[in-house]
Amino acid sequence: MRGVQRMVEEEAYCVDVLTQLGSIVSASEKVALLLLKDHTEHCVRGAIEDGEGADEKMEELMGAIERFLRV
């Protein structure tokens, strides 16, 4: 983000700034998907296997997915 801020301050070409912003969004979405996958594989699966708190973990996961998708 600092690089984009610097680009704006230096009045870089708008299309170049937009390209960099697109890259940031794409990278952030990939990280978010990795976090959702990790949460599902560890926290949710663990709750299901333990038989404790599975419903709560599933609700939590669905809430996280909804926030991620902005539904």
C-alpha atoms as a PDB file:
ATOM      1  CA  MET A   1       0.000   0.000   0.000  1.00  0.00           C
ATOM      2  CA  ARG A   2       2.862   2.385   0.677  1.00  0.00           C
ATOM      3  CA  GLY A   3       3.991   1.932  -2.895  1.00  0.00           C
ATOM      4  CA  VAL A   4       0.544   2.877  -4.170  1.00  0.00           C
ATOM      5  CA  GLN A   5       0.450   5.858  -1.826  1.00  0.00           C
ATOM      6  CA  ARG A   6       3.816   6.957  -3.175  1.00  0.00           C
ATOM      7  CA  MET A   7       2.552   6.534  -6.727  1.00  0.00           C
ATOM      8  CA  VAL A   8      -0.430   8.769  -5.988  1.00  0.00           C
ATOM      9  CA  GLU A   9       1.753  11.369  -4.268  1.00  0.00           C
ATOM     10  CA  GLU A  10       4.106  11.362  -7.249  1.00  0.00           C
ATOM     11  CA  GLU A  11       1.106  11.661  -9.581  1.00  0.00           C
ATOM     12  CA  ALA A  12       1.801   8.422 -11.405  1.00  0.00           C
ATOM     13  CA  TYR A  13      -0.318   7.535 -14.400  1.00  0.00           C
ATOM     14  CA  CYS A  14      -3.810   6.551 -13.192  1.00  0.00           C
ATOM     15  CA  VAL A  15      -3.873   3.265 -15.095  1.00  0.00           C
ATOM     16  CA  ASP A  16      -0.612   2.220 -13.439  1.00  0.00           C
ATOM     17  CA  VAL A  17      -2.046   2.978  -9.991  1.00  0.00           C
ATOM     18  CA  LEU A  18      -5.198   1.023 -10.815  1.00  0.00           C
ATOM     19  CA  THR A  19      -3.094  -1.911 -12.010  1.00  0.00           C
ATOM     20  CA  GLN A  20      -1.204  -1.942  -8.712  1.00  0.00           C
ATOM     21  CA  LEU A  21      -4.455  -1.726  -6.738  1.00  0.00           C
ATOM     22  CA  GLY A  22      -5.813  -4.679  -8.712  1.00  0.00           C
ATOM     23  CA  SER A  23      -2.723  -6.665  -7.790  1.00  0.00           C
ATOM     24  CA  ILE A  24      -3.188  -5.834  -4.117  1.00  0.00           C
ATOM     25  CA  VAL A  25      -6.842  -6.897  -4.209  1.00  0.00           C
ATOM     26  CA  SER A  26      -5.980 -10.148  -5.959  1.00  0.00           C
ATOM     27  CA  ALA A  27      -3.210 -10.983  -3.493  1.00  0.00           C
ATOM     28  CA  SER A  28      -5.469 -10.161  -0.525  1.00  0.00           C
ATOM     29  CA  GLU A  29      -8.202 -12.431  -1.858  1.00  0.00           C
ATOM     30  CA  LYS A  30      -5.721 -15.290  -2.247  1.00  0.00           C
ATOM     31  CA  VAL A  31      -4.573 -14.856   1.349  1.00  0.00           C
ATOM     32  CA  ALA A  32      -8.196 -14.776   2.521  1.00  0.00           C
ATOM     33  CA  LEU A  33      -8.928 -18.027   0.692  1.00  0.00           C
ATOM     34  CA  LEU A  34      -5.904 -19.665   2.301  1.00  0.00           C
ATOM     35  CA  LEU A  35      -7.125 -18.524   5.715  1.00  0.00           C
ATOM     36  CA  LEU A  36     -10.627 -19.872   5.053  1.00  0.00           C
ATOM     37  CA  LYS A  37      -9.149 -23.185   3.935  1.00  0.00           C
ATOM     38  CA  ASP A  38      -6.915 -23.395   6.996  1.00  0.00           C
ATOM     39  CA  HIS A  39      -9.794 -22.522   9.330  1.00  0.00           C
ATOM     40  CA  THR A  40     -11.989 -25.169   7.717  1.00  0.00           C
ATOM     41  CA  GLU A  41      -9.331 -27.881   7.782  1.00  0.00           C
ATOM     42  CA  HIS A  42      -8.242 -27.270  11.350  1.00  0.00           C
ATOM     43  CA  CYS A  43     -10.813 -25.473  13.473  1.00  0.00           C
ATOM     44  CA  VAL A  44     -14.023 -26.670  11.861  1.00  0.00           C
ATOM     45  CA  ARG A  45     -12.814 -30.221  11.237  1.00  0.00           C
ATOM     46  CA  GLY A  46     -11.474 -30.402  14.801  1.00  0.00           C
ATOM     47  CA  ALA A  47     -14.805 -29.301  16.245  1.00  0.00           C
ATOM     48  CA  ILE A  48     -16.650 -31.878  14.142  1.00  0.00           C
ATOM     49  CA  GLU A  49     -14.262 -34.669  15.087  1.00  0.00           C
ATOM     50  CA  ASP A  50     -14.412 -33.736  18.780  1.00  0.00           C
ATOM     51  CA  GLY A  51     -18.170 -33.447  18.621  1.00  0.00           C
ATOM     52  CA  GLU A  52     -17.970 -30.211  20.572  1.00  0.00           C
ATOM     53  CA  GLY A  53     -18.970 -26.843  19.166  1.00  0.00           C
ATOM     54  CA  ALA A  54     -19.386 -28.094  15.604  1.00  0.00           C
ATOM     55  CA  ASP A  55     -22.567 -26.099  15.014  1.00  0.00           C
ATOM     56  CA  GLU A  56     -20.942 -22.933  16.315  1.00  0.00           C
ATOM     57  CA  LYS A  57     -17.851 -23.449  14.156  1.00  0.00           C
ATOM     58  CA  MET A  58     -20.011 -24.041  11.088  1.00  0.00           C
ATOM     59  CA  GLU A  59     -21.943 -20.822  11.766  1.00  0.00           C
ATOM     60  CA  GLU A  60     -18.679 -18.993  12.303  1.00  0.00           C
ATOM     61  CA  LEU A  61     -17.321 -20.338   9.008  1.00  0.00           C
ATOM     62  CA  MET A  62     -20.450 -19.348   7.104  1.00  0.00           C
ATOM     63  CA  GLY A  63     -20.275 -15.855   8.604  1.00  0.00           C
ATOM     64  CA  ALA A  64     -16.650 -15.554   7.542  1.00  0.00           C
ATOM     65  CA  ILE A  65     -17.505 -16.698   4.000  1.00  0.00           C
ATOM     66  CA  GLU A  66     -20.390 -14.232   3.808  1.00  0.00           C
ATOM     67  CA  ARG A  67     -18.147 -11.371   4.933  1.00  0.00           C
ATOM     68  CA  PHE A  68     -15.467 -12.433   2.470  1.00  0.00           C
ATOM     69  CA  LEU A  69     -17.970 -12.552  -0.396  1.00  0.00           C
ATOM     70  CA  ARG A  70     -19.688  -9.381   0.859  1.00  0.00           C
ATOM     71  CA  VAL A  71     -23.094 -11.058   0.694  1.00  0.00           C
END
